[in-house]
Amino acid sequence: MFTEAYMQRAFLAALCLCPLCALLGVFVTARRMSFFSETIAHGALAGVALGIWLGLNEMTPAVVGFGILVAAAILWLKENTELLTDTIMALLLAGSVSLGLVILSLEKTNPGQIHSYLFGDILSVRNQDVTLAAVLAVIIGGGVFWNLSALTLITAQEELAHVSGIPVKRLNYLFVLVLTITVATSIRLLGIMLVTSLVVIPPAAARNLSRNLRQQIIYSVLMGLLGGFGGIALAYRLDVPCGPTIVLTCIGLFIVSLVLRGFTVGKPVTPAQT
């Protein structure tokens, strides 16, 4: 299993992206932004469709670019209209998916062309994909830990963070940007339909076991890593799709965390606890 080049690339991609998604997921779940990442992920279908329409050989720039447009639209509508956030996201999710389906229909696209984007195909990642994943993990992961105190305070008490002199608006925009790029890039790992699970499930499992935010970050990163590696290994042994297997492995870890929670004593984690 570890001797094949494609398996080595798959494990390296999981090593970079699974912990990164789990790390960002701690703040995503604490700030109730899970639906945001789901909207970005489903918007990627329109990015793939536009890439096919433009004749691109590499879809990642189109997926990331369209994801950033969707994120920008969410922020603009939130600031300039009286619509509720979940309404805005539902509107853009439905619109972007419909746009993608119409373009794919007009292009007479073979369903096999978009299968890997819908359900993931980590075994087909290339060397450049692994390099991109490593760069994202170093830059974004390092940036999160560098601004950990500020992000924690913004998550817990945004008004207090503003009074304390933290550039709240800039950090919020930056967080949305890095989350969008991470989700769009990770689509090769799990696919449009499943990528949000890697952002949500590991932090949820970690929350069952942790007593403060720092513990939740550590446990979440470990859960993401175990889910990614375990899912790839199981998929290889059972000869089943990798993306769904990674998700089911993460859910298995969540169930284990629920069982272990019954044997631990402590209070649930809150963003303010550090």
C-alpha atoms as a PDB file:
ATOM      1  CA  MET A   1       0.000   0.000   0.000  1.00  0.00           C
ATOM      2  CA  PHE A   2       2.754   2.471   0.893  1.00  0.00           C
ATOM      3  CA  THR A   3       4.957   1.558  -2.061  1.00  0.00           C
ATOM      4  CA  GLU A   4       2.652   2.767  -4.832  1.00  0.00           C
ATOM      5  CA  ALA A   5       3.320   6.353  -5.904  1.00  0.00           C
ATOM      6  CA  TYR A   6      -0.373   7.262  -6.109  1.00  0.00           C
ATOM      7  CA  MET A   7      -0.936   6.085  -2.532  1.00  0.00           C
ATOM      8  CA  GLN A   8       2.036   8.109  -1.312  1.00  0.00           C
ATOM      9  CA  ARG A   9       0.611  11.214  -2.984  1.00  0.00           C
ATOM     10  CA  ALA A  10      -2.814  10.510  -1.464  1.00  0.00           C
ATOM     11  CA  PHE A  11      -1.388  10.193   2.055  1.00  0.00           C
ATOM     12  CA  LEU A  12       0.681  13.368   1.623  1.00  0.00           C
ATOM     13  CA  ALA A  13      -2.372  15.306   0.421  1.00  0.00           C
ATOM     14  CA  ALA A  14      -4.369  14.021   3.396  1.00  0.00           C
ATOM     15  CA  LEU A  15      -1.507  14.914   5.739  1.00  0.00           C
ATOM     16  CA  CYS A  16      -1.712  18.528   4.564  1.00  0.00           C
ATOM     17  CA  LEU A  17      -5.415  19.154   3.960  1.00  0.00           C
ATOM     18  CA  CYS A  18      -7.238  17.017   6.556  1.00  0.00           C
ATOM     19  CA  PRO A  19      -5.621  18.684   9.610  1.00  0.00           C
ATOM     20  CA  LEU A  20      -5.964  22.103   7.957  1.00  0.00           C
ATOM     21  CA  CYS A  21      -9.708  21.654   7.380  1.00  0.00           C
ATOM     22  CA  ALA A  22     -10.086  20.362  10.944  1.00  0.00           C
ATOM     23  CA  LEU A  23      -8.173  23.353  12.331  1.00  0.00           C
ATOM     24  CA  LEU A  24     -10.307  25.891  10.483  1.00  0.00           C
ATOM     25  CA  GLY A  25     -13.374  23.861  11.403  1.00  0.00           C
ATOM     26  CA  VAL A  26     -12.893  24.651  15.097  1.00  0.00           C
ATOM     27  CA  PHE A  27     -13.608  28.324  14.360  1.00  0.00           C
ATOM     28  CA  VAL A  28     -16.190  27.532  11.661  1.00  0.00           C
ATOM     29  CA  THR A  29     -18.335  25.500  14.065  1.00  0.00           C
ATOM     30  CA  ALA A  30     -17.844  27.945  16.961  1.00  0.00           C
ATOM     31  CA  ARG A  31     -18.955  30.830  14.731  1.00  0.00           C
ATOM     32  CA  ARG A  32     -21.828  28.834  13.195  1.00  0.00           C
ATOM     33  CA  MET A  33     -20.395  29.074   9.683  1.00  0.00           C
ATOM     34  CA  SER A  34     -20.890  25.454   8.647  1.00  0.00           C
ATOM     35  CA  PHE A  35     -23.517  26.427   6.078  1.00  0.00           C
ATOM     36  CA  PHE A  36     -21.042  28.965   4.670  1.00  0.00           C
ATOM     37  CA  SER A  37     -18.509  26.251   3.832  1.00  0.00           C
ATOM     38  CA  GLU A  38     -21.320  24.136   2.363  1.00  0.00           C
ATOM     39  CA  THR A  39     -22.324  27.040   0.109  1.00  0.00           C
ATOM     40  CA  ILE A  40     -18.737  27.513  -1.089  1.00  0.00           C
ATOM     41  CA  ALA A  41     -18.370  23.781  -1.749  1.00  0.00           C
ATOM     42  CA  HIS A  42     -21.552  23.528  -3.808  1.00  0.00           C
ATOM     43  CA  GLY A  43     -20.660  26.731  -5.631  1.00  0.00           C
ATOM     44  CA  ALA A  44     -17.580  24.892  -6.881  1.00  0.00           C
ATOM     45  CA  LEU A  45     -19.833  23.000  -9.307  1.00  0.00           C
ATOM     46  CA  ALA A  46     -20.336  26.233 -11.235  1.00  0.00           C
ATOM     47  CA  GLY A  47     -16.562  26.787 -11.119  1.00  0.00           C
ATOM     48  CA  VAL A  48     -15.971  23.353 -12.647  1.00  0.00           C
ATOM     49  CA  ALA A  49     -18.626  24.019 -15.296  1.00  0.00           C
ATOM     50  CA  LEU A  50     -17.056  27.367 -16.203  1.00  0.00           C
ATOM     51  CA  GLY A  51     -13.639  25.717 -16.406  1.00  0.00           C
ATOM     52  CA  ILE A  52     -14.994  23.108 -18.841  1.00  0.00           C
ATOM     53  CA  TRP A  53     -16.767  25.839 -20.836  1.00  0.00           C
ATOM     54  CA  LEU A  54     -13.523  27.818 -21.085  1.00  0.00           C
ATOM     55  CA  GLY A  55     -11.588  24.716 -22.092  1.00  0.00           C
ATOM     56  CA  LEU A  56      -9.250  24.750 -19.085  1.00  0.00           C
ATOM     57  CA  ASN A  57      -7.082  21.717 -18.441  1.00  0.00           C
ATOM     58  CA  GLU A  58      -6.749  22.567 -14.743  1.00  0.00           C
ATOM     59  CA  MET A  59      -9.976  23.290 -12.884  1.00  0.00           C
ATOM     60  CA  THR A  60      -8.535  24.414  -9.538  1.00  0.00           C
ATOM     61  CA  PRO A  61      -8.145  28.122 -10.507  1.00  0.00           C
ATOM     62  CA  ALA A  62     -11.744  28.226 -11.782  1.00  0.00           C
ATOM     63  CA  VAL A  63     -13.047  26.469  -8.659  1.00  0.00           C
ATOM     64  CA  VAL A  64     -11.123  28.743  -6.289  1.00  0.00           C
ATOM     65  CA  GLY A  65     -11.983  31.864  -8.277  1.00  0.00           C
ATOM     66  CA  PHE A  66     -15.699  31.160  -8.354  1.00  0.00           C
ATOM     67  CA  GLY A  67     -15.624  30.213  -4.670  1.00  0.00           C
ATOM     68  CA  ILE A  68     -14.112  33.603  -3.849  1.00  0.00           C
ATOM     69  CA  LEU A  69     -16.848  35.308  -5.903  1.00  0.00           C
ATOM     70  CA  VAL A  70     -19.532  33.426  -3.953  1.00  0.00           C
ATOM     71  CA  ALA A  71     -17.896  34.373  -0.639  1.00  0.00           C
ATOM     72  CA  ALA A  72     -17.670  38.017  -1.726  1.00  0.00           C
ATOM     73  CA  ALA A  73     -21.338  37.946  -2.744  1.00  0.00           C
ATOM     74  CA  ILE A  74     -22.310  36.559   0.681  1.00  0.00           C
ATOM     75  CA  LEU A  75     -20.416  39.328   2.472  1.00  0.00           C
ATOM     76  CA  TRP A  76     -21.757  42.094   0.188  1.00  0.00           C
ATOM     77  CA  LEU A  77     -25.382  40.972   0.503  1.00  0.00           C
ATOM     78  CA  LYS A  78     -24.996  40.625   4.267  1.00  0.00           C
ATOM     79  CA  GLU A  79     -23.697  44.191   4.594  1.00  0.00           C
ATOM     80  CA  ASN A  80     -25.983  45.862   2.051  1.00  0.00           C
ATOM     81  CA  THR A  81     -29.327  44.114   2.483  1.00  0.00           C
ATOM     82  CA  GLU A  82     -31.611  43.145   5.345  1.00  0.00           C
ATOM     83  CA  LEU A  83     -31.615  39.474   4.359  1.00  0.00           C
ATOM     84  CA  LEU A  84     -30.673  36.927   7.003  1.00  0.00           C
ATOM     85  CA  THR A  85     -27.345  35.168   6.496  1.00  0.00           C
ATOM     86  CA  ASP A  86     -28.837  31.702   6.024  1.00  0.00           C
ATOM     87  CA  THR A  87     -31.235  33.105   3.413  1.00  0.00           C
ATOM     88  CA  ILE A  88     -28.329  34.644   1.489  1.00  0.00           C
ATOM     89  CA  MET A  89     -26.372  31.400   1.550  1.00  0.00           C
ATOM     90  CA  ALA A  90     -29.352  29.302   0.479  1.00  0.00           C
ATOM     91  CA  LEU A  91     -29.981  31.710  -2.408  1.00  0.00           C
ATOM     92  CA  LEU A  92     -26.366  31.594  -3.628  1.00  0.00           C
ATOM     93  CA  LEU A  93     -26.074  27.821  -3.126  1.00  0.00           C
ATOM     94  CA  ALA A  94     -29.164  27.138  -5.226  1.00  0.00           C
ATOM     95  CA  GLY A  95     -28.152  29.705  -7.841  1.00  0.00           C
ATOM     96  CA  SER A  96     -24.568  28.494  -8.272  1.00  0.00           C
ATOM     97  CA  VAL A  97     -25.559  24.813  -8.463  1.00  0.00           C
ATOM     98  CA  SER A  98     -28.258  25.624 -11.026  1.00  0.00           C
ATOM     99  CA  LEU A  99     -25.797  27.698 -13.073  1.00  0.00           C
ATOM    100  CA  GLY A 100     -23.316  24.836 -13.052  1.00  0.00           C
ATOM    101  CA  LEU A 101     -25.910  22.285 -14.140  1.00  0.00           C
ATOM    102  CA  VAL A 102     -27.137  24.496 -16.991  1.00  0.00           C
ATOM    103  CA  ILE A 103     -23.602  25.084 -18.304  1.00  0.00           C
ATOM    104  CA  LEU A 104     -22.759  21.372 -18.068  1.00  0.00           C
ATOM    105  CA  SER A 105     -25.980  20.561 -19.918  1.00  0.00           C
ATOM    106  CA  LEU A 106     -25.198  23.041 -22.701  1.00  0.00           C
ATOM    107  CA  GLU A 107     -21.666  21.675 -23.006  1.00  0.00           C
ATOM    108  CA  LYS A 108     -23.014  18.101 -23.268  1.00  0.00           C
ATOM    109  CA  THR A 109     -20.554  17.116 -20.557  1.00  0.00           C
ATOM    110  CA  ASN A 110     -19.909  13.453 -19.872  1.00  0.00           C
ATOM    111  CA  PRO A 111     -20.948  12.701 -16.257  1.00  0.00           C
ATOM    112  CA  GLY A 112     -17.624  10.932 -15.770  1.00  0.00           C
ATOM    113  CA  GLN A 113     -15.822  14.258 -16.180  1.00  0.00           C
ATOM    114  CA  ILE A 114     -17.345  15.752 -13.048  1.00  0.00           C
ATOM    115  CA  HIS A 115     -17.647  12.572 -10.958  1.00  0.00           C
ATOM    116  CA  SER A 116     -14.309  13.160  -9.223  1.00  0.00           C
ATOM    117  CA  TYR A 117     -15.349  16.714  -8.340  1.00  0.00           C
ATOM    118  CA  LEU A 118     -18.687  15.586  -6.918  1.00  0.00           C
ATOM    119  CA  PHE A 119     -17.401  12.697  -4.806  1.00  0.00           C
ATOM    120  CA  GLY A 120     -13.640  13.231  -4.639  1.00  0.00           C
ATOM    121  CA  ASP A 121     -10.748  11.241  -6.074  1.00  0.00           C
ATOM    122  CA  ILE A 122      -7.764  11.625  -3.776  1.00  0.00           C
ATOM    123  CA  LEU A 123      -6.014   8.679  -5.425  1.00  0.00           C
ATOM    124  CA  SER A 124      -5.668  10.718  -8.621  1.00  0.00           C
ATOM    125  CA  VAL A 125      -3.910  13.731  -7.078  1.00  0.00           C
ATOM    126  CA  ARG A 126      -0.736  14.809  -8.838  1.00  0.00           C
ATOM    127  CA  ASN A 127       2.574  16.080  -7.541  1.00  0.00           C
ATOM    128  CA  GLN A 128       1.508  19.694  -8.124  1.00  0.00           C
ATOM    129  CA  ASP A 129      -1.666  19.079  -6.096  1.00  0.00           C
ATOM    130  CA  VAL A 130       0.417  17.791  -3.183  1.00  0.00           C
ATOM    131  CA  THR A 131       2.716  20.806  -3.456  1.00  0.00           C
ATOM    132  CA  LEU A 132      -0.255  23.181  -3.421  1.00  0.00           C
ATOM    133  CA  ALA A 133      -1.708  21.395  -0.395  1.00  0.00           C
ATOM    134  CA  ALA A 134       1.612  21.651   1.457  1.00  0.00           C
ATOM    135  CA  VAL A 135       1.929  25.363   0.701  1.00  0.00           C
ATOM    136  CA  LEU A 136      -1.620  26.018   1.917  1.00  0.00           C
ATOM    137  CA  ALA A 137      -1.044  23.999   5.089  1.00  0.00           C
ATOM    138  CA  VAL A 138       2.121  25.928   5.960  1.00  0.00           C
ATOM    139  CA  ILE A 139       0.837  29.418   5.116  1.00  0.00           C
ATOM    140  CA  ILE A 140      -2.754  29.131   6.391  1.00  0.00           C
ATOM    141  CA  GLY A 141      -1.961  26.900   9.361  1.00  0.00           C
ATOM    142  CA  GLY A 142       0.911  29.179  10.378  1.00  0.00           C
ATOM    143  CA  GLY A 143      -1.295  32.258   9.957  1.00  0.00           C
ATOM    144  CA  VAL A 144      -4.013  30.788  12.176  1.00  0.00           C
ATOM    145  CA  PHE A 145      -1.592  29.977  14.983  1.00  0.00           C
ATOM    146  CA  TRP A 146       0.085  33.384  14.623  1.00  0.00           C
ATOM    147  CA  ASN A 147      -3.285  35.097  15.112  1.00  0.00           C
ATOM    148  CA  LEU A 148      -4.753  32.494  17.473  1.00  0.00           C
ATOM    149  CA  SER A 149      -5.396  34.874  20.375  1.00  0.00           C
ATOM    150  CA  ALA A 150      -7.108  37.436  18.129  1.00  0.00           C
ATOM    151  CA  LEU A 151      -9.234  34.794  16.380  1.00  0.00           C
ATOM    152  CA  THR A 152     -10.232  33.331  19.738  1.00  0.00           C
ATOM    153  CA  LEU A 153     -11.349  36.701  21.084  1.00  0.00           C
ATOM    154  CA  ILE A 154     -13.244  37.543  17.883  1.00  0.00           C
ATOM    155  CA  THR A 155     -14.989  34.176  18.048  1.00  0.00           C
ATOM    156  CA  ALA A 156     -15.937  34.637  21.699  1.00  0.00           C
ATOM    157  CA  GLN A 157     -16.692  38.384  21.912  1.00  0.00           C
ATOM    158  CA  GLU A 158     -16.414  40.336  18.665  1.00  0.00           C
ATOM    159  CA  GLU A 159     -17.296  43.666  20.296  1.00  0.00           C
ATOM    160  CA  LEU A 160     -14.638  43.199  22.981  1.00  0.00           C
ATOM    161  CA  ALA A 161     -12.093  42.328  20.286  1.00  0.00           C
ATOM    162  CA  HIS A 162     -12.947  45.550  18.448  1.00  0.00           C
ATOM    163  CA  VAL A 163     -12.570  47.621  21.625  1.00  0.00           C
ATOM    164  CA  SER A 164      -9.233  45.903  22.303  1.00  0.00           C
ATOM    165  CA  GLY A 165      -7.849  47.259  19.035  1.00  0.00           C
ATOM    166  CA  ILE A 166      -7.980  44.038  17.033  1.00  0.00           C
ATOM    167  CA  PRO A 167      -8.709  44.644  13.316  1.00  0.00           C
ATOM    168  CA  VAL A 168     -11.905  42.609  13.454  1.00  0.00           C
ATOM    169  CA  LYS A 169     -13.238  43.352   9.980  1.00  0.00           C
ATOM    170  CA  ARG A 170      -9.913  42.642   8.270  1.00  0.00           C
ATOM    171  CA  LEU A 171      -9.409  39.376  10.149  1.00  0.00           C
ATOM    172  CA  ASN A 172     -12.987  38.302   9.409  1.00  0.00           C
ATOM    173  CA  TYR A 173     -12.490  38.917   5.697  1.00  0.00           C
ATOM    174  CA  LEU A 174      -9.137  37.128   5.785  1.00  0.00           C
ATOM    175  CA  PHE A 175     -10.656  34.145   7.575  1.00  0.00           C
ATOM    176  CA  VAL A 176     -13.430  33.919   4.982  1.00  0.00           C
ATOM    177  CA  LEU A 177     -10.817  34.062   2.208  1.00  0.00           C
ATOM    178  CA  VAL A 178      -8.603  31.291   3.617  1.00  0.00           C
ATOM    179  CA  LEU A 179     -11.641  29.133   4.408  1.00  0.00           C
ATOM    180  CA  THR A 180     -12.874  29.553   0.833  1.00  0.00           C
ATOM    181  CA  ILE A 181      -9.487  28.643  -0.653  1.00  0.00           C
ATOM    182  CA  THR A 182      -9.109  25.641   1.662  1.00  0.00           C
ATOM    183  CA  VAL A 183     -12.586  24.274   0.946  1.00  0.00           C
ATOM    184  CA  ALA A 184     -12.210  24.779  -2.819  1.00  0.00           C
ATOM    185  CA  THR A 185      -8.801  23.103  -2.848  1.00  0.00           C
ATOM    186  CA  SER A 186      -9.963  20.184  -0.695  1.00  0.00           C
ATOM    187  CA  ILE A 187     -12.672  19.266  -3.187  1.00  0.00           C
ATOM    188  CA  ARG A 188     -10.157  16.967  -4.874  1.00  0.00           C
ATOM    189  CA  LEU A 189      -9.977  15.135  -1.535  1.00  0.00           C
ATOM    190  CA  LEU A 190     -13.657  14.483  -0.758  1.00  0.00           C
ATOM    191  CA  GLY A 191     -15.641  16.099  -3.534  1.00  0.00           C
ATOM    192  CA  ILE A 192     -18.266  18.827  -3.600  1.00  0.00           C
ATOM    193  CA  MET A 193     -20.850  16.684  -1.827  1.00  0.00           C
ATOM    194  CA  LEU A 194     -18.674  15.702   1.141  1.00  0.00           C
ATOM    195  CA  VAL A 195     -15.929  18.268   1.707  1.00  0.00           C
ATOM    196  CA  THR A 196     -17.819  20.188   4.397  1.00  0.00           C
ATOM    197  CA  SER A 197     -17.822  17.063   6.563  1.00  0.00           C
ATOM    198  CA  LEU A 198     -14.051  17.386   6.984  1.00  0.00           C
ATOM    199  CA  VAL A 199     -14.568  20.906   8.306  1.00  0.00           C
ATOM    200  CA  VAL A 200     -17.404  19.955  10.680  1.00  0.00           C
ATOM    201  CA  ILE A 201     -16.985  16.378  11.962  1.00  0.00           C
ATOM    202  CA  PRO A 202     -13.450  16.468  13.476  1.00  0.00           C
ATOM    203  CA  PRO A 203     -14.174  19.651  15.513  1.00  0.00           C
ATOM    204  CA  ALA A 204     -17.481  18.157  16.643  1.00  0.00           C
ATOM    205  CA  ALA A 205     -15.719  15.006  17.814  1.00  0.00           C
ATOM    206  CA  ALA A 206     -12.992  17.054  19.488  1.00  0.00           C
ATOM    207  CA  ARG A 207     -15.590  19.127  21.309  1.00  0.00           C
ATOM    208  CA  ASN A 208     -16.858  15.985  23.023  1.00  0.00           C
ATOM    209  CA  LEU A 209     -13.435  15.371  24.580  1.00  0.00           C
ATOM    210  CA  SER A 210     -11.956  18.824  25.199  1.00  0.00           C
ATOM    211  CA  ARG A 211     -12.291  21.227  28.088  1.00  0.00           C
ATOM    212  CA  ASN A 212     -10.950  24.358  26.386  1.00  0.00           C
ATOM    213  CA  LEU A 213     -10.249  25.749  22.947  1.00  0.00           C
ATOM    214  CA  ARG A 214      -6.605  24.707  22.854  1.00  0.00           C
ATOM    215  CA  GLN A 215      -7.537  21.105  23.570  1.00  0.00           C
ATOM    216  CA  GLN A 216     -10.248  21.257  20.925  1.00  0.00           C
ATOM    217  CA  ILE A 217      -7.744  22.470  18.329  1.00  0.00           C
ATOM    218  CA  ILE A 218      -5.291  19.671  19.152  1.00  0.00           C
ATOM    219  CA  TYR A 219      -7.958  16.950  19.203  1.00  0.00           C
ATOM    220  CA  SER A 220      -9.602  18.281  16.048  1.00  0.00           C
ATOM    221  CA  VAL A 221      -6.331  18.238  14.090  1.00  0.00           C
ATOM    222  CA  LEU A 222      -5.652  14.690  15.313  1.00  0.00           C
ATOM    223  CA  MET A 223      -9.182  13.590  14.397  1.00  0.00           C
ATOM    224  CA  GLY A 224      -8.792  15.076  10.922  1.00  0.00           C
ATOM    225  CA  LEU A 225      -5.463  13.311  10.461  1.00  0.00           C
ATOM    226  CA  LEU A 226      -6.791   9.963  11.699  1.00  0.00           C
ATOM    227  CA  GLY A 227      -9.920  10.295   9.592  1.00  0.00           C
ATOM    228  CA  GLY A 228      -7.926  11.044   6.454  1.00  0.00           C
ATOM    229  CA  PHE A 229      -5.298   8.349   6.896  1.00  0.00           C
ATOM    230  CA  GLY A 230      -7.756   5.772   8.213  1.00  0.00           C
ATOM    231  CA  GLY A 231     -10.212   6.441   5.413  1.00  0.00           C
ATOM    232  CA  ILE A 232      -7.585   6.068   2.691  1.00  0.00           C
ATOM    233  CA  ALA A 233      -6.243   2.843   4.216  1.00  0.00           C
ATOM    234  CA  LEU A 234      -9.740   1.351   4.588  1.00  0.00           C
ATOM    235  CA  ALA A 235     -10.719   2.373   1.055  1.00  0.00           C
ATOM    236  CA  TYR A 236      -7.599   0.661  -0.296  1.00  0.00           C
ATOM    237  CA  ARG A 237      -8.243  -2.545   1.663  1.00  0.00           C
ATOM    238  CA  LEU A 238     -11.967  -2.694   0.893  1.00  0.00           C
ATOM    239  CA  ASP A 239     -11.684  -1.380  -2.689  1.00  0.00           C
ATOM    240  CA  VAL A 240     -14.312   1.302  -2.138  1.00  0.00           C
ATOM    241  CA  PRO A 241     -14.335   5.077  -2.921  1.00  0.00           C
ATOM    242  CA  CYS A 242     -11.943   7.103  -0.783  1.00  0.00           C
ATOM    243  CA  GLY A 243     -14.039  10.234  -0.220  1.00  0.00           C
ATOM    244  CA  PRO A 244     -17.083   8.567   1.399  1.00  0.00           C
ATOM    245  CA  THR A 245     -14.782   6.221   3.359  1.00  0.00           C
ATOM    246  CA  ILE A 246     -12.900   9.176   4.867  1.00  0.00           C
ATOM    247  CA  VAL A 247     -16.217  10.723   5.919  1.00  0.00           C
ATOM    248  CA  LEU A 248     -17.450   7.464   7.459  1.00  0.00           C
ATOM    249  CA  THR A 249     -14.139   7.093   9.305  1.00  0.00           C
ATOM    250  CA  CYS A 250     -14.565  10.585  10.735  1.00  0.00           C
ATOM    251  CA  ILE A 251     -18.108   9.716  11.791  1.00  0.00           C
ATOM    252  CA  GLY A 252     -16.749   6.580  13.451  1.00  0.00           C
ATOM    253  CA  LEU A 253     -14.307   8.746  15.400  1.00  0.00           C
ATOM    254  CA  PHE A 254     -17.200  11.018  16.379  1.00  0.00           C
ATOM    255  CA  ILE A 255     -19.124   8.034  17.747  1.00  0.00           C
ATOM    256  CA  VAL A 256     -16.041   6.921  19.696  1.00  0.00           C
ATOM    257  CA  SER A 257     -15.738  10.438  21.130  1.00  0.00           C
ATOM    258  CA  LEU A 258     -19.349  10.249  22.307  1.00  0.00           C
ATOM    259  CA  VAL A 259     -18.602   6.979  24.098  1.00  0.00           C
ATOM    260  CA  LEU A 260     -15.414   8.362  25.654  1.00  0.00           C
ATOM    261  CA  ARG A 261     -17.273  11.481  26.731  1.00  0.00           C
ATOM    262  CA  GLY A 262     -19.261   9.342  29.138  1.00  0.00           C
ATOM    263  CA  PHE A 263     -16.030   8.382  30.914  1.00  0.00           C
ATOM    264  CA  THR A 264     -14.564  11.878  31.125  1.00  0.00           C
ATOM    265  CA  VAL A 265     -15.366  14.569  33.611  1.00  0.00           C
ATOM    266  CA  GLY A 266     -15.375  18.167  32.473  1.00  0.00           C
ATOM    267  CA  LYS A 267     -17.477  20.875  31.032  1.00  0.00           C
ATOM    268  CA  PRO A 268     -18.026  21.519  27.314  1.00  0.00           C
ATOM    269  CA  VAL A 269     -15.585  23.740  25.509  1.00  0.00           C
ATOM    270  CA  THR A 270     -16.419  27.380  24.905  1.00  0.00           C
ATOM    271  CA  PRO A 271     -14.497  29.713  22.571  1.00  0.00           C
ATOM    272  CA  ALA A 272     -13.630  31.995  25.451  1.00  0.00           C
ATOM    273  CA  GLN A 273     -11.755  29.272  27.317  1.00  0.00           C
ATOM    274  CA  THR A 274      -8.046  29.233  26.534  1.00  0.00           C
END
